[in-house]
Amino acid sequence: MLWDAIAQLGYRITFIHPISYRRDYIDYLQKLFNCYHNKADQIITKNVHFSDDFP
């Protein structure tokens, strides 16, 4: 119902998720994608915390 209500108002929902090489962060990101991928126009993952040496 939340998605329908938001769409009727002309708004959109954005999830912001910190990225890390830790497995729990990756698992949570995968869960977000599995639940909401068909409702997202784009998915952006960008590392700005761990520098260019991010594994």
C-alpha atoms as a PDB file:
ATOM      1  CA  MET A   1       0.000   0.000   0.000  1.00  0.00           C
ATOM      2  CA  LEU A   2       2.909   2.355   0.659  1.00  0.00           C
ATOM      3  CA  TRP A   3       4.104   2.216  -2.960  1.00  0.00           C
ATOM      4  CA  ASP A   4       0.607   2.974  -4.281  1.00  0.00           C
ATOM      5  CA  ALA A   5       0.114   5.891  -1.890  1.00  0.00           C
ATOM      6  CA  ILE A   6       3.507   7.354  -2.762  1.00  0.00           C
ATOM      7  CA  ALA A   7       2.849   6.998  -6.509  1.00  0.00           C
ATOM      8  CA  GLN A   8      -0.548   8.708  -6.208  1.00  0.00           C
ATOM      9  CA  LEU A   9       1.138  11.674  -4.548  1.00  0.00           C
ATOM     10  CA  GLY A  10       3.760  11.827  -7.281  1.00  0.00           C
ATOM     11  CA  TYR A  11       6.606  11.000  -4.915  1.00  0.00           C
ATOM     12  CA  ARG A  12       9.216   8.290  -5.142  1.00  0.00           C
ATOM     13  CA  ILE A  13      11.146   6.398  -2.479  1.00  0.00           C
ATOM     14  CA  THR A  14      14.935   6.223  -2.431  1.00  0.00           C
ATOM     15  CA  PHE A  15      16.889   3.754  -0.338  1.00  0.00           C
ATOM     16  CA  ILE A  16      20.346   4.902   0.681  1.00  0.00           C
ATOM     17  CA  HIS A  17      22.577   2.107   1.865  1.00  0.00           C
ATOM     18  CA  PRO A  18      26.219   2.356   2.901  1.00  0.00           C
ATOM     19  CA  ILE A  19      28.460   0.006   0.987  1.00  0.00           C
ATOM     20  CA  SER A  20      31.152  -2.097   2.569  1.00  0.00           C
ATOM     21  CA  TYR A  21      32.998  -5.268   1.738  1.00  0.00           C
ATOM     22  CA  ARG A  22      31.566  -6.910   4.858  1.00  0.00           C
ATOM     23  CA  ARG A  23      29.221  -9.781   4.041  1.00  0.00           C
ATOM     24  CA  ASP A  24      26.293  -8.448   6.118  1.00  0.00           C
ATOM     25  CA  TYR A  25      26.228  -5.207   4.105  1.00  0.00           C
ATOM     26  CA  ILE A  26      26.224  -7.137   0.853  1.00  0.00           C
ATOM     27  CA  ASP A  27      23.493  -9.490   2.105  1.00  0.00           C
ATOM     28  CA  TYR A  28      21.281  -6.551   3.115  1.00  0.00           C
ATOM     29  CA  LEU A  29      21.831  -4.851  -0.234  1.00  0.00           C
ATOM     30  CA  GLN A  30      20.830  -8.093  -1.976  1.00  0.00           C
ATOM     31  CA  LYS A  31      17.651  -8.267   0.131  1.00  0.00           C
ATOM     32  CA  LEU A  32      16.730  -4.685  -0.833  1.00  0.00           C
ATOM     33  CA  PHE A  33      17.266  -5.510  -4.482  1.00  0.00           C
ATOM     34  CA  ASN A  34      15.237  -8.731  -4.272  1.00  0.00           C
ATOM     35  CA  CYS A  35      12.304  -6.957  -2.612  1.00  0.00           C
ATOM     36  CA  TYR A  36      12.224  -3.699  -4.566  1.00  0.00           C
ATOM     37  CA  HIS A  37      14.054  -4.160  -7.874  1.00  0.00           C
ATOM     38  CA  ASN A  38      10.906  -3.880  -9.972  1.00  0.00           C
ATOM     39  CA  LYS A  39      10.009  -0.610  -8.260  1.00  0.00           C
ATOM     40  CA  ALA A  40      13.404   1.052  -8.722  1.00  0.00           C
ATOM     41  CA  ASP A  41      14.292   3.114 -11.781  1.00  0.00           C
ATOM     42  CA  GLN A  42      17.968   2.805 -10.966  1.00  0.00           C
ATOM     43  CA  ILE A  43      20.290   1.253  -8.459  1.00  0.00           C
ATOM     44  CA  ILE A  44      23.507   3.091  -7.735  1.00  0.00           C
ATOM     45  CA  THR A  45      26.356   1.739  -5.667  1.00  0.00           C
ATOM     46  CA  LYS A  46      29.257   4.055  -5.063  1.00  0.00           C
ATOM     47  CA  ASN A  47      32.142   3.815  -2.672  1.00  0.00           C
ATOM     48  CA  VAL A  48      33.260   7.122  -1.221  1.00  0.00           C
ATOM     49  CA  HIS A  49      34.261   5.948   2.237  1.00  0.00           C
ATOM     50  CA  PHE A  50      36.899   3.269   1.691  1.00  0.00           C
ATOM     51  CA  SER A  51      38.951   5.130  -0.959  1.00  0.00           C
ATOM     52  CA  ASP A  52      40.061   3.688  -4.273  1.00  0.00           C
ATOM     53  CA  ASP A  53      41.509   0.639  -2.498  1.00  0.00           C
ATOM     54  CA  PHE A  54      38.078  -0.869  -1.888  1.00  0.00           C
ATOM     55  CA  PRO A  55      38.422  -4.640  -2.558  1.00  0.00           C
END
